[in-house]
Structure formats: structure tokens, C-alpha cells
N, C-alpha and C. Protein backbone atom coordinates (compact mmCIF):
# COMPACT_ATOMS: atom_id res chain seq x y z
N UNK A 1 69.08 57.46 85.79
CA UNK A 1 69.50 58.81 86.08
C UNK A 1 68.68 59.31 87.27
N UNK A 2 69.39 59.82 88.29
CA UNK A 2 68.69 60.28 89.48
C UNK A 2 68.44 61.78 89.40
N UNK A 3 67.34 62.17 90.01
CA UNK A 3 67.04 63.60 90.05
C UNK A 3 67.42 64.12 91.42
N UNK A 4 68.12 65.23 91.44
CA UNK A 4 68.57 65.82 92.70
C UNK A 4 67.97 67.21 92.83
N UNK A 5 67.48 67.48 94.02
CA UNK A 5 66.91 68.80 94.26
C UNK A 5 68.00 69.74 94.79
N UNK A 6 67.69 71.01 94.81
CA UNK A 6 68.64 72.00 95.33
C UNK A 6 68.94 71.74 96.81
N UNK A 7 67.94 71.27 97.54
CA UNK A 7 68.14 70.97 98.96
C UNK A 7 69.12 69.82 99.14
N UNK A 8 69.00 68.79 98.30
CA UNK A 8 69.94 67.68 98.36
C UNK A 8 71.36 68.15 98.09
N UNK A 9 71.52 68.98 97.10
CA UNK A 9 72.84 69.47 96.74
C UNK A 9 73.41 70.32 97.87
N UNK A 10 72.59 71.20 98.47
CA UNK A 10 73.07 72.03 99.57
C UNK A 10 73.45 71.18 100.77
N UNK A 11 72.69 70.14 101.04
CA UNK A 11 73.00 69.26 102.16
C UNK A 11 74.33 68.55 101.92
N UNK A 12 74.57 68.12 100.70
CA UNK A 12 75.85 67.48 100.38
C UNK A 12 77.00 68.47 100.51
N UNK A 13 76.80 69.70 100.06
CA UNK A 13 77.84 70.72 100.18
C UNK A 13 78.14 71.01 101.64
N UNK A 14 77.10 71.04 102.48
CA UNK A 14 77.29 71.30 103.90
C UNK A 14 78.11 70.18 104.53
N UNK A 15 77.84 68.94 104.14
CA UNK A 15 78.59 67.81 104.67
C UNK A 15 80.04 67.87 104.24
N UNK A 16 80.31 68.41 103.08
CA UNK A 16 81.68 68.52 102.59
C UNK A 16 82.40 69.72 103.18
N UNK A 17 81.69 70.56 103.93
CA UNK A 17 82.31 71.68 104.61
C UNK A 17 82.35 72.96 103.80
N UNK A 18 81.58 73.06 102.76
CA UNK A 18 81.61 74.28 101.95
C UNK A 18 80.82 75.41 102.59
N UNK A 19 79.85 75.04 103.42
CA UNK A 19 79.06 76.03 104.14
C UNK A 19 79.32 75.83 105.63
N UNK A 20 80.08 76.74 106.26
CA UNK A 20 80.39 76.53 107.68
C UNK A 20 79.15 76.64 108.55
N UNK A 21 79.11 75.83 109.57
CA UNK A 21 77.97 75.85 110.48
C UNK A 21 78.06 77.07 111.39
N UNK A 22 77.00 77.31 112.12
CA UNK A 22 76.98 78.45 113.05
C UNK A 22 78.06 78.29 114.11
N UNK A 23 78.30 77.07 114.55
CA UNK A 23 79.35 76.82 115.54
C UNK A 23 80.72 77.22 115.00
N UNK A 24 80.99 76.88 113.75
CA UNK A 24 82.27 77.23 113.15
C UNK A 24 82.42 78.74 112.99
N UNK A 25 81.33 79.42 112.66
CA UNK A 25 81.38 80.88 112.54
C UNK A 25 81.69 81.52 113.88
N UNK A 26 81.04 81.02 114.96
CA UNK A 26 81.29 81.57 116.29
C UNK A 26 82.73 81.29 116.72
N UNK A 27 83.22 80.09 116.44
CA UNK A 27 84.59 79.74 116.83
C UNK A 27 85.59 80.61 116.08
N UNK A 28 85.33 80.84 114.80
CA UNK A 28 86.24 81.70 114.02
C UNK A 28 86.24 83.13 114.57
N UNK A 29 85.08 83.60 114.97
CA UNK A 29 84.98 84.93 115.55
C UNK A 29 85.78 85.01 116.85
N UNK A 30 85.66 83.99 117.68
CA UNK A 30 86.43 83.95 118.92
C UNK A 30 87.93 83.92 118.64
N UNK A 31 88.32 83.14 117.65
CA UNK A 31 89.74 83.04 117.29
C UNK A 31 90.28 84.37 116.81
N UNK A 32 89.52 85.08 116.00
CA UNK A 32 89.96 86.38 115.50
C UNK A 32 90.04 87.40 116.64
N UNK A 33 89.12 87.32 117.59
CA UNK A 33 89.16 88.20 118.75
C UNK A 33 90.42 87.94 119.58
N UNK A 34 90.72 86.67 119.80
CA UNK A 34 91.93 86.32 120.55
C UNK A 34 93.18 86.77 119.82
N UNK A 35 93.19 86.65 118.51
CA UNK A 35 94.33 87.13 117.72
C UNK A 35 94.53 88.63 117.92
N UNK A 36 93.44 89.38 117.87
CA UNK A 36 93.52 90.83 118.05
C UNK A 36 94.04 91.18 119.45
N UNK A 37 93.58 90.46 120.46
CA UNK A 37 94.04 90.71 121.83
C UNK A 37 95.53 90.42 121.95
N UNK A 38 95.97 89.30 121.39
CA UNK A 38 97.39 88.94 121.47
C UNK A 38 98.27 89.94 120.73
N UNK A 39 97.85 90.35 119.55
CA UNK A 39 98.61 91.34 118.79
C UNK A 39 98.67 92.66 119.56
N UNK A 40 97.58 93.04 120.18
CA UNK A 40 97.56 94.25 120.99
C UNK A 40 98.52 94.16 122.17
N UNK A 41 98.56 93.02 122.84
CA UNK A 41 99.48 92.85 123.96
C UNK A 41 100.93 92.89 123.51
N UNK A 42 101.23 92.26 122.39
CA UNK A 42 102.59 92.30 121.86
C UNK A 42 102.99 93.74 121.56
N UNK A 43 102.11 94.49 120.93
CA UNK A 43 102.39 95.89 120.61
C UNK A 43 102.60 96.69 121.90
N UNK A 44 101.76 96.47 122.91
CA UNK A 44 101.88 97.18 124.18
C UNK A 44 103.22 96.86 124.84
N UNK A 45 103.59 95.60 124.90
CA UNK A 45 104.88 95.22 125.51
C UNK A 45 106.05 95.80 124.75
N UNK A 46 105.95 95.86 123.44
CA UNK A 46 107.01 96.44 122.61
C UNK A 46 107.19 97.92 122.92
N UNK A 47 106.08 98.63 123.00
CA UNK A 47 106.14 100.07 123.29
C UNK A 47 106.67 100.29 124.70
N UNK A 48 106.22 99.50 125.68
CA UNK A 48 106.72 99.62 127.03
C UNK A 48 108.22 99.36 127.10
N UNK A 49 108.68 98.37 126.38
CA UNK A 49 110.12 98.08 126.36
C UNK A 49 110.90 99.24 125.77
N UNK A 50 110.39 99.84 124.70
CA UNK A 50 111.08 100.99 124.10
C UNK A 50 111.13 102.16 125.07
N UNK A 51 110.04 102.43 125.76
CA UNK A 51 110.00 103.54 126.70
C UNK A 51 110.94 103.30 127.86
N UNK A 52 110.97 102.08 128.39
CA UNK A 52 111.84 101.78 129.53
C UNK A 52 113.31 101.87 129.16
N UNK A 53 113.64 101.56 127.91
CA UNK A 53 115.05 101.64 127.49
C UNK A 53 115.41 103.07 127.06
N UNK A 54 114.48 103.96 127.11
CA UNK A 54 114.76 105.35 126.79
C UNK A 54 114.70 105.66 125.32
N UNK A 55 114.09 104.80 124.54
CA UNK A 55 114.02 105.03 123.10
C UNK A 55 112.81 105.83 122.68
N UNK A 56 111.94 106.19 123.61
CA UNK A 56 110.73 106.86 123.19
C UNK A 56 110.38 107.97 124.00
């Protein structure tokens, strides 16, 4: 029977991807920022199209 420490278990969990690395957190933040920018542009173009067609 092997004895495992909490550090060993955390290291194994990290390798399995249960704890995202700092790089993954930064990439996710960038992705969410880009999503917000794209949604904002879509909304802006939609409003501009409505105004140009005389609907607003």
C-alpha cells in the first residue's frame, strides 16, 4: 500500500486538468474579452442597420 501526500494528489489533479494553469486562465480571459467585443460590434451593426432603414 502506497502513501500519497496532498501535494502528490494535487500534482496528479493538475496533470489531469482539474486545476487550470495561469496560462489557461489568461487565455480564457482574453477569449471572454474578444467575445464581448464581437457581441458589442454585432449589436452596434444591428442598431445602425435599424436606424438607416428608418426603423428607429
